[in-house]
PDB file of N, CA and C in Angstrom:
ATOM      1  N   MET A   1      -2.363  48.992  86.077  1.00  0.00           N
ATOM      2  CA  MET A   1      -1.993  48.781  84.693  1.00  0.00           C
ATOM      3  C   MET A   1      -0.742  47.923  84.680  1.00  0.00           C
ATOM      4  N   THR A   2      -0.708  46.948  83.801  1.00  0.00           N
ATOM      5  CA  THR A   2       0.482  46.116  83.607  1.00  0.00           C
ATOM      6  C   THR A   2       1.096  46.470  82.263  1.00  0.00           C
ATOM      7  N   ILE A   3       2.382  46.820  82.298  1.00  0.00           N
ATOM      8  CA  ILE A   3       3.120  47.115  81.070  1.00  0.00           C
ATOM      9  C   ILE A   3       4.002  45.919  80.774  1.00  0.00           C
ATOM     10  N   ARG A   4       3.854  45.342  79.598  1.00  0.00           N
ATOM     11  CA  ARG A   4       4.733  44.279  79.127  1.00  0.00           C
ATOM     12  C   ARG A   4       5.539  44.865  77.983  1.00  0.00           C
ATOM     13  N   TYR A   5       6.863  44.827  78.100  1.00  0.00           N
ATOM     14  CA  TYR A   5       7.720  45.512  77.154  1.00  0.00           C
ATOM     15  C   TYR A   5       8.900  44.618  76.791  1.00  0.00           C
ATOM     16  N   THR A   6       9.214  44.584  75.508  1.00  0.00           N
ATOM     17  CA  THR A   6      10.383  43.854  75.019  1.00  0.00           C
ATOM     18  C   THR A   6      11.480  44.875  74.732  1.00  0.00           C
ATOM     19  N   PRO A   7      12.515  44.897  75.581  1.00  0.00           N
ATOM     20  CA  PRO A   7      13.581  45.881  75.383  1.00  0.00           C
ATOM     21  C   PRO A   7      14.410  45.574  74.142  1.00  0.00           C
ATOM     22  N   ARG A   8      15.054  46.611  73.609  1.00  0.00           N
ATOM     23  CA  ARG A   8      15.861  46.471  72.402  1.00  0.00           C
ATOM     24  C   ARG A   8      17.287  46.936  72.694  1.00  0.00           C
ATOM     25  N   GLY A   9      18.267  46.184  72.209  1.00  0.00           N
ATOM     26  CA  GLY A   9      19.664  46.603  72.319  1.00  0.00           C
ATOM     27  C   GLY A   9      20.318  46.344  73.660  1.00  0.00           C
ATOM     28  N   VAL A  10      19.683  45.534  74.520  1.00  0.00           N
ATOM     29  CA  VAL A  10      20.240  45.225  75.825  1.00  0.00           C
ATOM     30  C   VAL A  10      20.151  43.722  76.101  1.00  0.00           C
ATOM     31  N   CYS A  11      20.750  43.283  77.188  1.00  0.00           N
ATOM     32  CA  CYS A  11      20.746  41.859  77.541  1.00  0.00           C
ATOM     33  C   CYS A  11      19.378  41.381  78.063  1.00  0.00           C
ATOM     34  N   SER A  12      18.635  42.256  78.697  1.00  0.00           N
ATOM     35  CA  SER A  12      17.318  41.874  79.216  1.00  0.00           C
ATOM     36  C   SER A  12      16.400  41.519  78.047  1.00  0.00           C
ATOM     37  N   ARG A  13      15.521  40.530  78.299  1.00  0.00           N
ATOM     38  CA  ARG A  13      14.641  40.060  77.233  1.00  0.00           C
ATOM     39  C   ARG A  13      13.196  40.516  77.399  1.00  0.00           C
ATOM     40  N   ALA A  14      12.791  40.840  78.632  1.00  0.00           N
ATOM     41  CA  ALA A  14      11.394  41.246  78.850  1.00  0.00           C
ATOM     42  C   ALA A  14      11.267  42.000  80.175  1.00  0.00           C
ATOM     43  N   PHE A  15      10.348  42.969  80.189  1.00  0.00           N
ATOM     44  CA  PHE A  15       9.991  43.711  81.407  1.00  0.00           C
ATOM     45  C   PHE A  15       8.494  43.537  81.632  1.00  0.00           C
ATOM     46  N   GLU A  16       8.124  43.382  82.895  1.00  0.00           N
ATOM     47  CA  GLU A  16       6.713  43.443  83.272  1.00  0.00           C
ATOM     48  C   GLU A  16       6.642  44.420  84.443  1.00  0.00           C
ATOM     49  N   ILE A  17       5.924  45.518  84.231  1.00  0.00           N
ATOM     50  CA  ILE A  17       5.890  46.607  85.191  1.00  0.00           C
ATOM     51  C   ILE A  17       4.448  46.839  85.621  1.00  0.00           C
ATOM     52  N   GLU A  18       4.207  46.862  86.930  1.00  0.00           N
ATOM     53  CA  GLU A  18       2.884  47.176  87.474  1.00  0.00           C
ATOM     54  C   GLU A  18       2.885  48.634  87.908  1.00  0.00           C
ATOM     55  N   VAL A  19       1.939  49.409  87.370  1.00  0.00           N
ATOM     56  CA  VAL A  19       1.796  50.827  87.693  1.00  0.00           C
ATOM     57  C   VAL A  19       0.363  51.053  88.179  1.00  0.00           C
ATOM     58  N   GLU A  20       0.256  51.762  89.317  1.00  0.00           N
ATOM     59  CA  GLU A  20      -1.060  52.096  89.853  1.00  0.00           C
ATOM     60  C   GLU A  20      -1.042  53.543  90.306  1.00  0.00           C
ATOM     61  N   ASP A  21      -1.991  54.332  89.865  1.00  0.00           N
ATOM     62  CA  ASP A  21      -2.072  55.761  90.229  1.00  0.00           C
ATOM     63  C   ASP A  21      -0.749  56.470  89.952  1.00  0.00           C
ATOM     64  N   ASP A  22      -0.162  56.231  88.786  1.00  0.00           N
ATOM     65  CA  ASP A  22       1.080  56.857  88.338  1.00  0.00           C
ATOM     66  C   ASP A  22       2.281  56.536  89.245  1.00  0.00           C
ATOM     67  N   THR A  23       2.193  55.442  89.991  1.00  0.00           N
ATOM     68  CA  THR A  23       3.268  55.011  90.882  1.00  0.00           C
ATOM     69  C   THR A  23       3.667  53.568  90.549  1.00  0.00           C
ATOM     70  N   ILE A  24       4.961  53.314  90.466  1.00  0.00           N
ATOM     71  CA  ILE A  24       5.467  51.980  90.158  1.00  0.00           C
ATOM     72  C   ILE A  24       5.237  51.072  91.364  1.00  0.00           C
ATOM     73  N   GLN A  25       4.557  49.969  91.147  1.00  0.00           N
ATOM     74  CA  GLN A  25       4.277  48.997  92.218  1.00  0.00           C
ATOM     75  C   GLN A  25       5.285  47.853  92.209  1.00  0.00           C
ATOM     76  N   SER A  26       5.687  47.406  91.009  1.00  0.00           N
ATOM     77  CA  SER A  26       6.674  46.328  90.915  1.00  0.00           C
ATOM     78  C   SER A  26       7.228  46.269  89.499  1.00  0.00           C
ATOM     79  N   ILE A  27       8.436  45.697  89.404  1.00  0.00           N
ATOM     80  CA  ILE A  27       9.074  45.482  88.117  1.00  0.00           C
ATOM     81  C   ILE A  27       9.693  44.091  88.123  1.00  0.00           C
ATOM     82  N   GLN A  28       9.371  43.309  87.113  1.00  0.00           N
ATOM     83  CA  GLN A  28       9.977  41.985  86.923  1.00  0.00           C
ATOM     84  C   GLN A  28      10.759  42.031  85.619  1.00  0.00           C
ATOM     85  N   VAL A  29      12.017  41.594  85.668  1.00  0.00           N
ATOM     86  CA  VAL A  29      12.882  41.605  84.480  1.00  0.00           C
ATOM     87  C   VAL A  29      13.303  40.190  84.171  1.00  0.00           C
ATOM     88  N   THR A  30      13.222  39.810  82.905  1.00  0.00           N
ATOM     89  CA  THR A  30      13.725  38.519  82.446  1.00  0.00           C
ATOM     90  C   THR A  30      15.026  38.766  81.714  1.00  0.00           C
ATOM     91  N   GLY A  31      16.082  38.074  82.145  1.00  0.00           N
ATOM     92  CA  GLY A  31      17.395  38.234  81.525  1.00  0.00           C
ATOM     93  C   GLY A  31      18.124  39.441  82.100  1.00  0.00           C
ATOM     94  N   GLY A  32      19.297  39.694  81.581  1.00  0.00           N
ATOM     95  CA  GLY A  32      20.086  40.853  82.031  1.00  0.00           C
ATOM     96  C   GLY A  32      20.911  40.531  83.250  1.00  0.00           C
ATOM     97  N   CYS A  33      21.471  41.553  83.856  1.00  0.00           N
ATOM     98  CA  CYS A  33      22.332  41.448  85.039  1.00  0.00           C
ATOM     99  C   CYS A  33      21.440  41.330  86.270  1.00  0.00           C
ATOM    100  N   ASP A  34      21.242  40.133  86.750  1.00  0.00           N
ATOM    101  CA  ASP A  34      20.251  39.818  87.770  1.00  0.00           C
ATOM    102  C   ASP A  34      20.329  40.718  89.005  1.00  0.00           C
ATOM    103  N   GLY A  35      21.471  40.813  89.619  1.00  0.00           N
ATOM    104  CA  GLY A  35      21.594  41.609  90.852  1.00  0.00           C
ATOM    105  C   GLY A  35      21.342  43.079  90.617  1.00  0.00           C
ATOM    106  N   ASN A  36      21.916  43.617  89.557  1.00  0.00           N
ATOM    107  CA  ASN A  36      21.722  45.038  89.267  1.00  0.00           C
ATOM    108  C   ASN A  36      20.250  45.350  89.001  1.00  0.00           C
ATOM    109  N   LEU A  37      19.592  44.490  88.240  1.00  0.00           N
ATOM    110  CA  LEU A  37      18.190  44.752  87.896  1.00  0.00           C
ATOM    111  C   LEU A  37      17.262  44.537  89.074  1.00  0.00           C
ATOM    112  N   LYS A  38      17.598  43.597  89.967  1.00  0.00           N
ATOM    113  CA  LYS A  38      16.801  43.442  91.196  1.00  0.00           C
ATOM    114  C   LYS A  38      16.939  44.689  92.059  1.00  0.00           C
ATOM    115  N   GLY A  39      18.163  45.201  92.153  1.00  0.00           N
ATOM    116  CA  GLY A  39      18.385  46.423  92.928  1.00  0.00           C
ATOM    117  C   GLY A  39      17.642  47.610  92.329  1.00  0.00           C
ATOM    118  N   LEU A  40      17.731  47.752  91.019  1.00  0.00           N
ATOM    119  CA  LEU A  40      17.026  48.844  90.329  1.00  0.00           C
ATOM    120  C   LEU A  40      15.532  48.731  90.546  1.00  0.00           C
ATOM    121  N   SER A  41      15.002  47.521  90.424  1.00  0.00           N
ATOM    122  CA  SER A  41      13.562  47.303  90.624  1.00  0.00           C
ATOM    123  C   SER A  41      13.141  47.690  92.034  1.00  0.00           C
ATOM    124  N   SER A  42      13.959  47.352  93.016  1.00  0.00           N
ATOM    125  CA  SER A  42      13.661  47.682  94.401  1.00  0.00           C
ATOM    126  C   SER A  42      13.682  49.199  94.631  1.00  0.00           C
ATOM    127  N   LEU A  43      14.653  49.862  94.033  1.00  0.00           N
ATOM    128  CA  LEU A  43      14.748  51.333  94.169  1.00  0.00           C
ATOM    129  C   LEU A  43      13.577  52.054  93.513  1.00  0.00           C
ATOM    130  N   LEU A  44      13.078  51.511  92.420  1.00  0.00           N
ATOM    131  CA  LEU A  44      11.996  52.165  91.676  1.00  0.00           C
ATOM    132  C   LEU A  44      10.618  51.931  92.293  1.00  0.00           C
ATOM    133  N   LYS A  45      10.484  50.899  93.104  1.00  0.00           N
ATOM    134  CA  LYS A  45       9.182  50.603  93.718  1.00  0.00           C
ATOM    135  C   LYS A  45       8.740  51.788  94.567  1.00  0.00           C
ATOM    136  N   GLY A  46       7.529  52.266  94.310  1.00  0.00           N
ATOM    137  CA  GLY A  46       6.967  53.417  95.024  1.00  0.00           C
ATOM    138  C   GLY A  46       7.283  54.744  94.388  1.00  0.00           C
ATOM    139  N   MET A  47       8.115  54.768  93.346  1.00  0.00           N
ATOM    140  CA  MET A  47       8.480  56.011  92.678  1.00  0.00           C
ATOM    141  C   MET A  47       7.427  56.381  91.638  1.00  0.00           C
ATOM    142  N   ARG A  48       7.197  57.655  91.469  1.00  0.00           N
ATOM    143  CA  ARG A  48       6.274  58.138  90.435  1.00  0.00           C
ATOM    144  C   ARG A  48       6.894  57.860  89.065  1.00  0.00           C
ATOM    145  N   VAL A  49       6.052  57.552  88.101  1.00  0.00           N
ATOM    146  CA  VAL A  49       6.491  57.195  86.749  1.00  0.00           C
ATOM    147  C   VAL A  49       7.337  58.312  86.133  1.00  0.00           C
ATOM    148  N   GLU A  50       6.875  59.553  86.235  1.00  0.00           N
ATOM    149  CA  GLU A  50       7.606  60.669  85.603  1.00  0.00           C
ATOM    150  C   GLU A  50       9.002  60.826  86.189  1.00  0.00           C
ATOM    151  N   GLU A  51       9.161  60.655  87.504  1.00  0.00           N
ATOM    152  CA  GLU A  51      10.470  60.791  88.136  1.00  0.00           C
ATOM    153  C   GLU A  51      11.400  59.678  87.683  1.00  0.00           C
ATOM    154  N   ALA A  52      10.870  58.463  87.598  1.00  0.00           N
ATOM    155  CA  ALA A  52      11.686  57.337  87.150  1.00  0.00           C
ATOM    156  C   ALA A  52      12.193  57.565  85.715  1.00  0.00           C
ATOM    157  N   ILE A  53      11.314  58.055  84.849  1.00  0.00           N
ATOM    158  CA  ILE A  53      11.705  58.320  83.470  1.00  0.00           C
ATOM    159  C   ILE A  53      12.811  59.373  83.435  1.00  0.00           C
ATOM    160  N   GLN A  54      12.636  60.450  84.192  1.00  0.00           N
ATOM    161  CA  GLN A  54      13.640  61.516  84.227  1.00  0.00           C
ATOM    162  C   GLN A  54      15.006  60.989  84.688  1.00  0.00           C
ATOM    163  N   ARG A  55      15.019  60.124  85.675  1.00  0.00           N
ATOM    164  CA  ARG A  55      16.261  59.625  86.233  1.00  0.00           C
ATOM    165  C   ARG A  55      16.970  58.631  85.321  1.00  0.00           C
ATOM    166  N   MET A  56      16.209  57.863  84.542  1.00  0.00           N
ATOM    167  CA  MET A  56      16.816  56.757  83.784  1.00  0.00           C
ATOM    168  C   MET A  56      17.005  57.022  82.304  1.00  0.00           C
ATOM    169  N   GLU A  57      16.177  57.872  81.702  1.00  0.00           N
ATOM    170  CA  GLU A  57      16.234  58.067  80.269  1.00  0.00           C
ATOM    171  C   GLU A  57      17.597  58.605  79.849  1.00  0.00           C
ATOM    172  N   GLY A  58      18.159  58.007  78.822  1.00  0.00           N
ATOM    173  CA  GLY A  58      19.429  58.458  78.272  1.00  0.00           C
ATOM    174  C   GLY A  58      20.664  57.786  78.845  1.00  0.00           C
ATOM    175  N   ILE A  59      20.501  56.943  79.877  1.00  0.00           N
ATOM    176  CA  ILE A  59      21.650  56.229  80.431  1.00  0.00           C
ATOM    177  C   ILE A  59      22.126  55.216  79.397  1.00  0.00           C
ATOM    178  N   ARG A  60      23.439  55.145  79.227  1.00  0.00           N
ATOM    179  CA  ARG A  60      24.017  54.215  78.260  1.00  0.00           C
ATOM    180  C   ARG A  60      24.769  53.105  78.985  1.00  0.00           C
ATOM    181  N   CYS A  61      24.925  51.982  78.333  1.00  0.00           N
ATOM    182  CA  CYS A  61      25.661  50.831  78.872  1.00  0.00           C
ATOM    183  C   CYS A  61      26.889  50.618  77.983  1.00  0.00           C
ATOM    184  N   GLY A  62      28.063  50.968  78.511  1.00  0.00           N
ATOM    185  CA  GLY A  62      29.283  50.833  77.714  1.00  0.00           C
ATOM    186  C   GLY A  62      29.165  51.639  76.436  1.00  0.00           C
ATOM    187  N   GLY A  63      29.469  50.995  75.320  1.00  0.00           N
ATOM    188  CA  GLY A  63      29.384  51.673  74.017  1.00  0.00           C
ATOM    189  C   GLY A  63      28.021  51.588  73.373  1.00  0.00           C
ATOM    190  N   LYS A  64      27.049  50.968  74.055  1.00  0.00           N
ATOM    191  CA  LYS A  64      25.713  50.841  73.474  1.00  0.00           C
ATOM    192  C   LYS A  64      24.976  52.186  73.555  1.00  0.00           C
ATOM    193  N   PRO A  65      24.083  52.452  72.626  1.00  0.00           N
ATOM    194  CA  PRO A  65      23.317  53.710  72.670  1.00  0.00           C
ATOM    195  C   PRO A  65      22.176  53.696  73.686  1.00  0.00           C
ATOM    196  N   THR A  66      22.000  52.583  74.410  1.00  0.00           N
ATOM    197  CA  THR A  66      20.921  52.442  75.380  1.00  0.00           C
ATOM    198  C   THR A  66      21.416  51.589  76.544  1.00  0.00           C
ATOM    199  N   SER A  67      20.530  51.298  77.472  1.00  0.00           N
ATOM    200  CA  SER A  67      20.844  50.462  78.629  1.00  0.00           C
ATOM    201  C   SER A  67      19.522  49.909  79.177  1.00  0.00           C
ATOM    202  N   CYS A  68      19.615  49.005  80.132  1.00  0.00           N
ATOM    203  CA  CYS A  68      18.375  48.510  80.747  1.00  0.00           C
ATOM    204  C   CYS A  68      17.592  49.640  81.434  1.00  0.00           C
ATOM    205  N   PRO A  69      18.268  50.542  82.198  1.00  0.00           N
ATOM    206  CA  PRO A  69      17.502  51.652  82.755  1.00  0.00           C
ATOM    207  C   PRO A  69      16.830  52.520  81.682  1.00  0.00           C
ATOM    208  N   ASP A  70      17.541  52.801  80.595  1.00  0.00           N
ATOM    209  CA  ASP A  70      16.961  53.603  79.519  1.00  0.00           C
ATOM    210  C   ASP A  70      15.773  52.857  78.902  1.00  0.00           C
ATOM    211  N   GLN A  71      15.886  51.557  78.731  1.00  0.00           N
ATOM    212  CA  GLN A  71      14.775  50.791  78.169  1.00  0.00           C
ATOM    213  C   GLN A  71      13.597  50.738  79.142  1.00  0.00           C
ATOM    214  N   LEU A  72      13.874  50.699  80.457  1.00  0.00           N
ATOM    215  CA  LEU A  72      12.780  50.784  81.434  1.00  0.00           C
ATOM    216  C   LEU A  72      12.060  52.121  81.304  1.00  0.00           C
ATOM    217  N   ALA A  73      12.824  53.197  81.091  1.00  0.00           N
ATOM    218  CA  ALA A  73      12.215  54.513  80.886  1.00  0.00           C
ATOM    219  C   ALA A  73      11.313  54.508  79.666  1.00  0.00           C
ATOM    220  N   GLN A  74      11.774  53.873  78.593  1.00  0.00           N
ATOM    221  CA  GLN A  74      10.955  53.808  77.366  1.00  0.00           C
ATOM    222  C   GLN A  74       9.667  53.021  77.643  1.00  0.00           C
ATOM    223  N   ALA A  75       9.774  51.935  78.401  1.00  0.00           N
ATOM    224  CA  ALA A  75       8.590  51.137  78.746  1.00  0.00           C
ATOM    225  C   ALA A  75       7.615  51.973  79.581  1.00  0.00           C
ATOM    226  N   LEU A  76       8.148  52.721  80.558  1.00  0.00           N
ATOM    227  CA  LEU A  76       7.288  53.527  81.428  1.00  0.00           C
ATOM    228  C   LEU A  76       6.584  54.646  80.669  1.00  0.00           C
ATOM    229  N   LYS A  77       7.172  55.122  79.594  1.00  0.00           N
ATOM    230  CA  LYS A  77       6.523  56.177  78.805  1.00  0.00           C
ATOM    231  C   LYS A  77       5.184  55.716  78.261  1.00  0.00           C
ATOM    232  N   THR A  78       5.005  54.425  78.093  1.00  0.00           N
ATOM    233  CA  THR A  78       3.726  53.912  77.591  1.00  0.00           C
ATOM    234  C   THR A  78       2.622  54.060  78.622  1.00  0.00           C
ATOM    235  N   ALA A  79       2.986  54.322  79.904  1.00  0.00           N
ATOM    236  CA  ALA A  79       1.980  54.485  80.957  1.00  0.00           C
ATOM    237  C   ALA A  79       1.478  55.927  81.030  1.00  0.00           C
ATOM    238  N   LEU A  80       2.149  56.857  80.350  1.00  0.00           N
ATOM    239  CA  LEU A  80       1.739  58.270  80.425  1.00  0.00           C
ATOM    240  C   LEU A  80       0.585  58.580  79.514  1.00  0.00           C
TER     241      LEU A  80
END
């Protein structure tokens, strides 16, 4: 399954997430903090969707009510 998601309230402009058998296969991010998001994508590869959501949901970026990890969690919820 390919999830295409437009995040809201963050610097990233688009996510493309490949999920197979409830496991994250890859994440491509357009925009945002390049190094941080590449690292996050690498760490999430092979992780179960539910675990990734639990770890990232609710993380904030500075004074914003959301963050790129939180928005990734919202995107992954569409795979459940």
